mmCIF file of all heavy atoms, coordinates in Angstrom:
data_MODEL
# 
_entry.id   MODEL 
# 
loop_
_atom_site.group_PDB 
_atom_site.id 
_atom_site.type_symbol 
_atom_site.label_atom_id 
_atom_site.label_alt_id 
_atom_site.label_comp_id 
_atom_site.label_asym_id 
_atom_site.label_entity_id 
_atom_site.label_seq_id 
_atom_site.pdbx_PDB_ins_code 
_atom_site.Cartn_x 
_atom_site.Cartn_y 
_atom_site.Cartn_z 
_atom_site.occupancy 
_atom_site.B_iso_or_equiv 
_atom_site.pdbx_formal_charge 
_atom_site.auth_seq_id 
_atom_site.auth_comp_id 
_atom_site.auth_asym_id 
_atom_site.auth_atom_id 
_atom_site.pdbx_PDB_model_num 
ATOM 1   N N   . LEU A 1 1  ? -11.035 5.581   7.957   1.00 0.00 ? 1  LEU A N   1 
ATOM 2   C CA  . LEU A 1 1  ? -11.315 4.645   9.076   1.00 0.00 ? 1  LEU A CA  1 
ATOM 3   C C   . LEU A 1 1  ? -11.894 5.408   10.260  1.00 0.00 ? 1  LEU A C   1 
ATOM 4   O O   . LEU A 1 1  ? -12.756 4.940   10.995  1.00 0.00 ? 1  LEU A O   1 
ATOM 5   C CB  . LEU A 1 1  ? -9.982  3.973   9.500   1.00 0.00 ? 1  LEU A CB  1 
ATOM 6   C CG  . LEU A 1 1  ? -9.479  2.943   8.494   1.00 0.00 ? 1  LEU A CG  1 
ATOM 7   C CD1 . LEU A 1 1  ? -7.995  2.524   8.953   1.00 0.00 ? 1  LEU A CD1 1 
ATOM 8   C CD2 . LEU A 1 1  ? -10.345 1.691   8.424   1.00 0.00 ? 1  LEU A CD2 1 
ATOM 9   N N   . ASP A 1 2  ? -11.398 6.618   10.554  1.00 0.00 ? 2  ASP A N   1 
ATOM 10  C CA  . ASP A 1 2  ? -11.869 7.426   11.656  1.00 0.00 ? 2  ASP A CA  1 
ATOM 11  C C   . ASP A 1 2  ? -13.333 7.824   11.381  1.00 0.00 ? 2  ASP A C   1 
ATOM 12  O O   . ASP A 1 2  ? -14.069 7.996   12.406  1.00 0.00 ? 2  ASP A O   1 
ATOM 13  C CB  . ASP A 1 2  ? -11.018 8.674   11.730  1.00 0.00 ? 2  ASP A CB  1 
ATOM 14  C CG  . ASP A 1 2  ? -11.388 9.522   12.985  1.00 0.00 ? 2  ASP A CG  1 
ATOM 15  O OD1 . ASP A 1 2  ? -11.316 9.004   14.048  1.00 0.00 ? 2  ASP A OD1 1 
ATOM 16  O OD2 . ASP A 1 2  ? -11.719 10.757  12.783  1.00 0.00 ? 2  ASP A OD2 1 
ATOM 17  N N   . GLN A 1 3  ? -13.743 7.938   10.168  1.00 0.00 ? 3  GLN A N   1 
ATOM 18  C CA  . GLN A 1 3  ? -15.154 8.257   9.823   1.00 0.00 ? 3  GLN A CA  1 
ATOM 19  C C   . GLN A 1 3  ? -16.064 7.026   9.884   1.00 0.00 ? 3  GLN A C   1 
ATOM 20  O O   . GLN A 1 3  ? -17.260 7.146   9.730   1.00 0.00 ? 3  GLN A O   1 
ATOM 21  C CB  . GLN A 1 3  ? -15.211 8.878   8.459   1.00 0.00 ? 3  GLN A CB  1 
ATOM 22  C CG  . GLN A 1 3  ? -14.628 10.232  8.358   1.00 0.00 ? 3  GLN A CG  1 
ATOM 23  C CD  . GLN A 1 3  ? -14.587 10.829  6.907   1.00 0.00 ? 3  GLN A CD  1 
ATOM 24  O OE1 . GLN A 1 3  ? -14.787 10.056  5.998   1.00 0.00 ? 3  GLN A OE1 1 
ATOM 25  N NE2 . GLN A 1 3  ? -14.420 12.132  6.796   1.00 0.00 ? 3  GLN A NE2 1 
ATOM 26  N N   . GLY A 1 4  ? -15.397 5.862   10.044  1.00 0.00 ? 4  GLY A N   1 
ATOM 27  C CA  . GLY A 1 4  ? -16.241 4.631   10.146  1.00 0.00 ? 4  GLY A CA  1 
ATOM 28  C C   . GLY A 1 4  ? -16.372 3.830   8.932   1.00 0.00 ? 4  GLY A C   1 
ATOM 29  O O   . GLY A 1 4  ? -17.101 2.891   8.808   1.00 0.00 ? 4  GLY A O   1 
ATOM 30  N N   . HIS A 1 5  ? -15.587 4.193   7.843   1.00 0.00 ? 5  HIS A N   1 
ATOM 31  C CA  . HIS A 1 5  ? -15.641 3.416   6.553   1.00 0.00 ? 5  HIS A CA  1 
ATOM 32  C C   . HIS A 1 5  ? -14.740 2.227   6.628   1.00 0.00 ? 5  HIS A C   1 
ATOM 33  O O   . HIS A 1 5  ? -13.694 2.151   7.345   1.00 0.00 ? 5  HIS A O   1 
ATOM 34  C CB  . HIS A 1 5  ? -15.188 4.349   5.394   1.00 0.00 ? 5  HIS A CB  1 
ATOM 35  C CG  . HIS A 1 5  ? -15.998 5.571   5.277   1.00 0.00 ? 5  HIS A CG  1 
ATOM 36  N ND1 . HIS A 1 5  ? -17.342 5.573   4.976   1.00 0.00 ? 5  HIS A ND1 1 
ATOM 37  C CD2 . HIS A 1 5  ? -15.698 6.907   5.414   1.00 0.00 ? 5  HIS A CD2 1 
ATOM 38  C CE1 . HIS A 1 5  ? -17.838 6.793   4.856   1.00 0.00 ? 5  HIS A CE1 1 
ATOM 39  N NE2 . HIS A 1 5  ? -16.830 7.634   5.172   1.00 0.00 ? 5  HIS A NE2 1 
ATOM 40  N N   . ASP A 1 6  ? -15.066 1.231   5.851   1.00 0.00 ? 6  ASP A N   1 
ATOM 41  C CA  . ASP A 1 6  ? -14.303 -0.010  5.769   1.00 0.00 ? 6  ASP A CA  1 
ATOM 42  C C   . ASP A 1 6  ? -13.423 0.130   4.506   1.00 0.00 ? 6  ASP A C   1 
ATOM 43  O O   . ASP A 1 6  ? -13.866 0.164   3.381   1.00 0.00 ? 6  ASP A O   1 
ATOM 44  C CB  . ASP A 1 6  ? -15.229 -1.190  5.605   1.00 0.00 ? 6  ASP A CB  1 
ATOM 45  C CG  . ASP A 1 6  ? -14.521 -2.510  5.611   1.00 0.00 ? 6  ASP A CG  1 
ATOM 46  O OD1 . ASP A 1 6  ? -13.294 -2.508  5.914   1.00 0.00 ? 6  ASP A OD1 1 
ATOM 47  O OD2 . ASP A 1 6  ? -15.167 -3.537  5.300   1.00 0.00 ? 6  ASP A OD2 1 
ATOM 48  N N   . VAL A 1 7  ? -12.061 0.184   4.742   1.00 0.00 ? 7  VAL A N   1 
ATOM 49  C CA  . VAL A 1 7  ? -11.083 0.260   3.679   1.00 0.00 ? 7  VAL A CA  1 
ATOM 50  C C   . VAL A 1 7  ? -9.992  -0.672  3.881   1.00 0.00 ? 7  VAL A C   1 
ATOM 51  O O   . VAL A 1 7  ? -9.759  -1.062  5.031   1.00 0.00 ? 7  VAL A O   1 
ATOM 52  C CB  . VAL A 1 7  ? -10.574 1.791   3.521   1.00 0.00 ? 7  VAL A CB  1 
ATOM 53  C CG1 . VAL A 1 7  ? -11.702 2.704   3.150   1.00 0.00 ? 7  VAL A CG1 1 
ATOM 54  C CG2 . VAL A 1 7  ? -9.857  2.186   4.782   1.00 0.00 ? 7  VAL A CG2 1 
ATOM 55  N N   . LEU A 1 8  ? -9.268  -0.958  2.843   1.00 0.00 ? 8  LEU A N   1 
ATOM 56  C CA  . LEU A 1 8  ? -8.105  -1.812  2.900   1.00 0.00 ? 8  LEU A CA  1 
ATOM 57  C C   . LEU A 1 8  ? -6.850  -1.003  2.509   1.00 0.00 ? 8  LEU A C   1 
ATOM 58  O O   . LEU A 1 8  ? -6.949  -0.053  1.718   1.00 0.00 ? 8  LEU A O   1 
ATOM 59  C CB  . LEU A 1 8  ? -8.217  -2.999  1.948   1.00 0.00 ? 8  LEU A CB  1 
ATOM 60  C CG  . LEU A 1 8  ? -9.389  -4.019  2.265   1.00 0.00 ? 8  LEU A CG  1 
ATOM 61  C CD1 . LEU A 1 8  ? -9.606  -4.946  1.127   1.00 0.00 ? 8  LEU A CD1 1 
ATOM 62  C CD2 . LEU A 1 8  ? -9.067  -4.760  3.579   1.00 0.00 ? 8  LEU A CD2 1 
ATOM 63  N N   . TYR A 1 9  ? -5.701  -1.434  3.035   1.00 0.00 ? 9  TYR A N   1 
ATOM 64  C CA  . TYR A 1 9  ? -4.462  -0.693  2.824   1.00 0.00 ? 9  TYR A CA  1 
ATOM 65  C C   . TYR A 1 9  ? -3.318  -1.616  2.765   1.00 0.00 ? 9  TYR A C   1 
ATOM 66  O O   . TYR A 1 9  ? -3.175  -2.509  3.583   1.00 0.00 ? 9  TYR A O   1 
ATOM 67  C CB  . TYR A 1 9  ? -4.325  0.352   3.955   1.00 0.00 ? 9  TYR A CB  1 
ATOM 68  C CG  . TYR A 1 9  ? -3.000  1.238   3.784   1.00 0.00 ? 9  TYR A CG  1 
ATOM 69  C CD1 . TYR A 1 9  ? -3.065  2.343   3.018   1.00 0.00 ? 9  TYR A CD1 1 
ATOM 70  C CD2 . TYR A 1 9  ? -1.879  0.905   4.547   1.00 0.00 ? 9  TYR A CD2 1 
ATOM 71  C CE1 . TYR A 1 9  ? -1.942  3.192   2.999   1.00 0.00 ? 9  TYR A CE1 1 
ATOM 72  C CE2 . TYR A 1 9  ? -0.772  1.693   4.508   1.00 0.00 ? 9  TYR A CE2 1 
ATOM 73  C CZ  . TYR A 1 9  ? -0.773  2.831   3.745   1.00 0.00 ? 9  TYR A CZ  1 
ATOM 74  O OH  . TYR A 1 9  ? 0.306   3.625   3.639   1.00 0.00 ? 9  TYR A OH  1 
ATOM 75  N N   . TYR A 1 10 ? -2.367  -1.354  1.755   1.00 0.00 ? 10 TYR A N   1 
ATOM 76  C CA  . TYR A 1 10 ? -1.135  -2.078  1.770   1.00 0.00 ? 10 TYR A CA  1 
ATOM 77  C C   . TYR A 1 10 ? -0.024  -1.112  1.356   1.00 0.00 ? 10 TYR A C   1 
ATOM 78  O O   . TYR A 1 10 ? -0.063  -0.484  0.377   1.00 0.00 ? 10 TYR A O   1 
ATOM 79  C CB  . TYR A 1 10 ? -1.152  -3.247  0.801   1.00 0.00 ? 10 TYR A CB  1 
ATOM 80  C CG  . TYR A 1 10 ? 0.161   -3.906  0.588   1.00 0.00 ? 10 TYR A CG  1 
ATOM 81  C CD1 . TYR A 1 10 ? 0.766   -4.647  1.752   1.00 0.00 ? 10 TYR A CD1 1 
ATOM 82  C CD2 . TYR A 1 10 ? 0.918   -3.812  -0.528  1.00 0.00 ? 10 TYR A CD2 1 
ATOM 83  C CE1 . TYR A 1 10 ? 1.981   -5.218  1.616   1.00 0.00 ? 10 TYR A CE1 1 
ATOM 84  C CE2 . TYR A 1 10 ? 2.137   -4.405  -0.663  1.00 0.00 ? 10 TYR A CE2 1 
ATOM 85  C CZ  . TYR A 1 10 ? 2.695   -5.107  0.417   1.00 0.00 ? 10 TYR A CZ  1 
ATOM 86  O OH  . TYR A 1 10 ? 3.920   -5.717  0.305   1.00 0.00 ? 10 TYR A OH  1 
ATOM 87  N N   . GLU A 1 11 ? 1.003   -1.060  2.221   1.00 0.00 ? 11 GLU A N   1 
ATOM 88  C CA  . GLU A 1 11 ? 2.155   -0.239  1.974   1.00 0.00 ? 11 GLU A CA  1 
ATOM 89  C C   . GLU A 1 11 ? 3.400   -1.084  1.828   1.00 0.00 ? 11 GLU A C   1 
ATOM 90  O O   . GLU A 1 11 ? 3.791   -1.741  2.803   1.00 0.00 ? 11 GLU A O   1 
ATOM 91  C CB  . GLU A 1 11 ? 2.306   0.834   3.088   1.00 0.00 ? 11 GLU A CB  1 
ATOM 92  C CG  . GLU A 1 11 ? 3.609   1.743   2.913   1.00 0.00 ? 11 GLU A CG  1 
ATOM 93  C CD  . GLU A 1 11 ? 3.630   2.837   3.888   1.00 0.00 ? 11 GLU A CD  1 
ATOM 94  O OE1 . GLU A 1 11 ? 2.587   3.352   4.356   1.00 0.00 ? 11 GLU A OE1 1 
ATOM 95  O OE2 . GLU A 1 11 ? 4.813   3.233   4.236   1.00 0.00 ? 11 GLU A OE2 1 
ATOM 96  N N   . ASN A 1 12 ? 3.993   -1.081  0.667   1.00 0.00 ? 12 ASN A N   1 
ATOM 97  C CA  . ASN A 1 12 ? 5.241   -1.831  0.462   1.00 0.00 ? 12 ASN A CA  1 
ATOM 98  C C   . ASN A 1 12 ? 6.341   -0.971  1.111   1.00 0.00 ? 12 ASN A C   1 
ATOM 99  O O   . ASN A 1 12 ? 6.515   0.218   0.772   1.00 0.00 ? 12 ASN A O   1 
ATOM 100 C CB  . ASN A 1 12 ? 5.500   -1.967  -1.009  1.00 0.00 ? 12 ASN A CB  1 
ATOM 101 C CG  . ASN A 1 12 ? 6.670   -2.862  -1.275  1.00 0.00 ? 12 ASN A CG  1 
ATOM 102 O OD1 . ASN A 1 12 ? 7.236   -3.499  -0.370  1.00 0.00 ? 12 ASN A OD1 1 
ATOM 103 N ND2 . ASN A 1 12 ? 6.919   -3.143  -2.533  1.00 0.00 ? 12 ASN A ND2 1 
ATOM 104 N N   . ILE A 1 13 ? 7.123   -1.529  1.955   1.00 0.00 ? 13 ILE A N   1 
ATOM 105 C CA  . ILE A 1 13 ? 8.104   -0.785  2.707   1.00 0.00 ? 13 ILE A CA  1 
ATOM 106 C C   . ILE A 1 13 ? 9.238   -0.377  1.806   1.00 0.00 ? 13 ILE A C   1 
ATOM 107 O O   . ILE A 1 13 ? 10.075  0.451   2.127   1.00 0.00 ? 13 ILE A O   1 
ATOM 108 C CB  . ILE A 1 13 ? 8.587   -1.603  3.966   1.00 0.00 ? 13 ILE A CB  1 
ATOM 109 C CG1 . ILE A 1 13 ? 7.420   -2.023  4.835   1.00 0.00 ? 13 ILE A CG1 1 
ATOM 110 C CG2 . ILE A 1 13 ? 9.609   -0.776  4.786   1.00 0.00 ? 13 ILE A CG2 1 
ATOM 111 C CD1 . ILE A 1 13 ? 6.622   -0.853  5.324   1.00 0.00 ? 13 ILE A CD1 1 
ATOM 112 N N   . GLU A 1 14 ? 9.306   -0.944  0.610   1.00 0.00 ? 14 GLU A N   1 
ATOM 113 C CA  . GLU A 1 14 ? 10.223  -0.426  -0.375  1.00 0.00 ? 14 GLU A CA  1 
ATOM 114 C C   . GLU A 1 14 ? 9.430   -0.421  -1.744  1.00 0.00 ? 14 GLU A C   1 
ATOM 115 O O   . GLU A 1 14 ? 8.278   -0.786  -1.731  1.00 0.00 ? 14 GLU A O   1 
ATOM 116 C CB  . GLU A 1 14 ? 11.424  -1.310  -0.575  1.00 0.00 ? 14 GLU A CB  1 
ATOM 117 C CG  . GLU A 1 14 ? 11.174  -2.751  -0.787  1.00 0.00 ? 14 GLU A CG  1 
ATOM 118 C CD  . GLU A 1 14 ? 12.421  -3.610  -0.707  1.00 0.00 ? 14 GLU A CD  1 
ATOM 119 O OE1 . GLU A 1 14 ? 13.106  -3.548  0.310   1.00 0.00 ? 14 GLU A OE1 1 
ATOM 120 O OE2 . GLU A 1 14 ? 12.730  -4.286  -1.733  1.00 0.00 ? 14 GLU A OE2 1 
ATOM 121 N N   . GLY A 1 15 ? 10.033  -0.012  -2.868  1.00 0.00 ? 15 GLY A N   1 
ATOM 122 C CA  . GLY A 1 15 ? 9.310   -0.225  -4.079  1.00 0.00 ? 15 GLY A CA  1 
ATOM 123 C C   . GLY A 1 15 ? 9.241   1.078   -4.954  1.00 0.00 ? 15 GLY A C   1 
ATOM 124 O O   . GLY A 1 15 ? 8.977   0.982   -6.158  1.00 0.00 ? 15 GLY A O   1 
ATOM 125 N N   . GLY A 1 16 ? 9.520   2.306   -4.410  1.00 0.00 ? 16 GLY A N   1 
ATOM 126 C CA  . GLY A 1 16 ? 9.484   3.513   -5.284  1.00 0.00 ? 16 GLY A CA  1 
ATOM 127 C C   . GLY A 1 16 ? 8.149   3.780   -5.799  1.00 0.00 ? 16 GLY A C   1 
ATOM 128 O O   . GLY A 1 16 ? 7.119   3.289   -5.284  1.00 0.00 ? 16 GLY A O   1 
ATOM 129 N N   . HIS A 1 17 ? 8.064   4.650   -6.842  1.00 0.00 ? 17 HIS A N   1 
ATOM 130 C CA  . HIS A 1 17 ? 6.795   5.119   -7.330  1.00 0.00 ? 17 HIS A CA  1 
ATOM 131 C C   . HIS A 1 17 ? 6.086   4.081   -8.049  1.00 0.00 ? 17 HIS A C   1 
ATOM 132 O O   . HIS A 1 17 ? 4.826   4.144   -8.281  1.00 0.00 ? 17 HIS A O   1 
ATOM 133 C CB  . HIS A 1 17 ? 7.021   6.357   -8.243  1.00 0.00 ? 17 HIS A CB  1 
ATOM 134 C CG  . HIS A 1 17 ? 5.730   7.040   -8.598  1.00 0.00 ? 17 HIS A CG  1 
ATOM 135 N ND1 . HIS A 1 17 ? 4.806   7.350   -7.676  1.00 0.00 ? 17 HIS A ND1 1 
ATOM 136 C CD2 . HIS A 1 17 ? 5.193   7.352   -9.877  1.00 0.00 ? 17 HIS A CD2 1 
ATOM 137 C CE1 . HIS A 1 17 ? 3.757   7.947   -8.309  1.00 0.00 ? 17 HIS A CE1 1 
ATOM 138 N NE2 . HIS A 1 17 ? 3.980   7.938   -9.653  1.00 0.00 ? 17 HIS A NE2 1 
ATOM 139 N N   . GLY A 1 18 ? 6.805   2.993   -8.553  1.00 0.00 ? 18 GLY A N   1 
ATOM 140 C CA  . GLY A 1 18 ? 6.076   1.952   -9.180  1.00 0.00 ? 18 GLY A CA  1 
ATOM 141 C C   . GLY A 1 18 ? 5.349   1.062   -8.241  1.00 0.00 ? 18 GLY A C   1 
ATOM 142 O O   . GLY A 1 18 ? 4.544   0.191   -8.634  1.00 0.00 ? 18 GLY A O   1 
ATOM 143 N N   . GLY A 1 19 ? 5.579   1.171   -6.896  1.00 0.00 ? 19 GLY A N   1 
ATOM 144 C CA  . GLY A 1 19 ? 4.906   0.405   -5.925  1.00 0.00 ? 19 GLY A CA  1 
ATOM 145 C C   . GLY A 1 19 ? 5.520   -0.892  -5.619  1.00 0.00 ? 19 GLY A C   1 
ATOM 146 O O   . GLY A 1 19 ? 5.202   -1.612  -4.659  1.00 0.00 ? 19 GLY A O   1 
ATOM 147 N N   . ALA A 1 20 ? 6.457   -1.386  -6.447  1.00 0.00 ? 20 ALA A N   1 
ATOM 148 C CA  . ALA A 1 20 ? 7.141   -2.674  -6.282  1.00 0.00 ? 20 ALA A CA  1 
ATOM 149 C C   . ALA A 1 20 ? 8.559   -2.562  -6.778  1.00 0.00 ? 20 ALA A C   1 
ATOM 150 O O   . ALA A 1 20 ? 8.793   -2.023  -7.790  1.00 0.00 ? 20 ALA A O   1 
ATOM 151 C CB  . ALA A 1 20 ? 6.376   -3.755  -6.964  1.00 0.00 ? 20 ALA A CB  1 
ATOM 152 N N   . ALA A 1 21 ? 9.530   -3.021  -5.990  1.00 0.00 ? 21 ALA A N   1 
ATOM 153 C CA  . ALA A 1 21 ? 10.944  -2.857  -6.303  1.00 0.00 ? 21 ALA A CA  1 
ATOM 154 C C   . ALA A 1 21 ? 11.492  -3.963  -7.125  1.00 0.00 ? 21 ALA A C   1 
ATOM 155 O O   . ALA A 1 21 ? 12.510  -3.838  -7.757  1.00 0.00 ? 21 ALA A O   1 
ATOM 156 C CB  . ALA A 1 21 ? 11.776  -2.708  -5.012  1.00 0.00 ? 21 ALA A CB  1 
ATOM 157 N N   . ASN A 1 22 ? 10.775  -5.068  -7.180  1.00 0.00 ? 22 ASN A N   1 
ATOM 158 C CA  . ASN A 1 22 ? 11.226  -6.238  -8.014  1.00 0.00 ? 22 ASN A CA  1 
ATOM 159 C C   . ASN A 1 22 ? 10.069  -7.091  -8.458  1.00 0.00 ? 22 ASN A C   1 
ATOM 160 O O   . ASN A 1 22 ? 8.881   -6.750  -8.127  1.00 0.00 ? 22 ASN A O   1 
ATOM 161 C CB  . ASN A 1 22 ? 12.291  -7.076  -7.289  1.00 0.00 ? 22 ASN A CB  1 
ATOM 162 C CG  . ASN A 1 22 ? 11.773  -7.625  -5.884  1.00 0.00 ? 22 ASN A CG  1 
ATOM 163 O OD1 . ASN A 1 22 ? 10.695  -8.220  -5.892  1.00 0.00 ? 22 ASN A OD1 1 
ATOM 164 N ND2 . ASN A 1 22 ? 12.452  -7.362  -4.828  1.00 0.00 ? 22 ASN A ND2 1 
ATOM 165 N N   . LEU A 1 23 ? 10.338  -8.066  -9.254  1.00 0.00 ? 23 LEU A N   1 
ATOM 166 C CA  . LEU A 1 23 ? 9.282   -8.867  -9.873  1.00 0.00 ? 23 LEU A CA  1 
ATOM 167 C C   . LEU A 1 23 ? 8.463   -9.659  -8.786  1.00 0.00 ? 23 LEU A C   1 
ATOM 168 O O   . LEU A 1 23 ? 7.255   -9.889  -9.009  1.00 0.00 ? 23 LEU A O   1 
ATOM 169 C CB  . LEU A 1 23 ? 9.853   -9.768  -10.910 1.00 0.00 ? 23 LEU A CB  1 
ATOM 170 C CG  . LEU A 1 23 ? 10.499  -9.124  -12.120 1.00 0.00 ? 23 LEU A CG  1 
ATOM 171 C CD1 . LEU A 1 23 ? 11.145  -10.135 -13.015 1.00 0.00 ? 23 LEU A CD1 1 
ATOM 172 C CD2 . LEU A 1 23 ? 9.525   -8.198  -12.837 1.00 0.00 ? 23 LEU A CD2 1 
ATOM 173 N N   . LYS A 1 24 ? 9.134   -10.119 -7.730  1.00 0.00 ? 24 LYS A N   1 
ATOM 174 C CA  . LYS A 1 24 ? 8.419   -10.888 -6.694  1.00 0.00 ? 24 LYS A CA  1 
ATOM 175 C C   . LYS A 1 24 ? 7.416   -9.958  -5.992  1.00 0.00 ? 24 LYS A C   1 
ATOM 176 O O   . LYS A 1 24 ? 6.273   -10.404 -5.751  1.00 0.00 ? 24 LYS A O   1 
ATOM 177 C CB  . LYS A 1 24 ? 9.412   -11.479 -5.721  1.00 0.00 ? 24 LYS A CB  1 
ATOM 178 C CG  . LYS A 1 24 ? 10.210  -12.659 -6.295  1.00 0.00 ? 24 LYS A CG  1 
ATOM 179 C CD  . LYS A 1 24 ? 11.081  -13.302 -5.208  1.00 0.00 ? 24 LYS A CD  1 
ATOM 180 C CE  . LYS A 1 24 ? 11.886  -14.468 -5.760  1.00 0.00 ? 24 LYS A CE  1 
ATOM 181 N NZ  . LYS A 1 24 ? 12.759  -15.127 -4.715  1.00 0.00 ? 24 LYS A NZ  1 
# 
């Protein structure tokens, strides 16, 4: 972003290494 590129980002505030803590 600082370099001027367009990127998207999503951080699950929980979830562990699988990225999601439950099925929802």
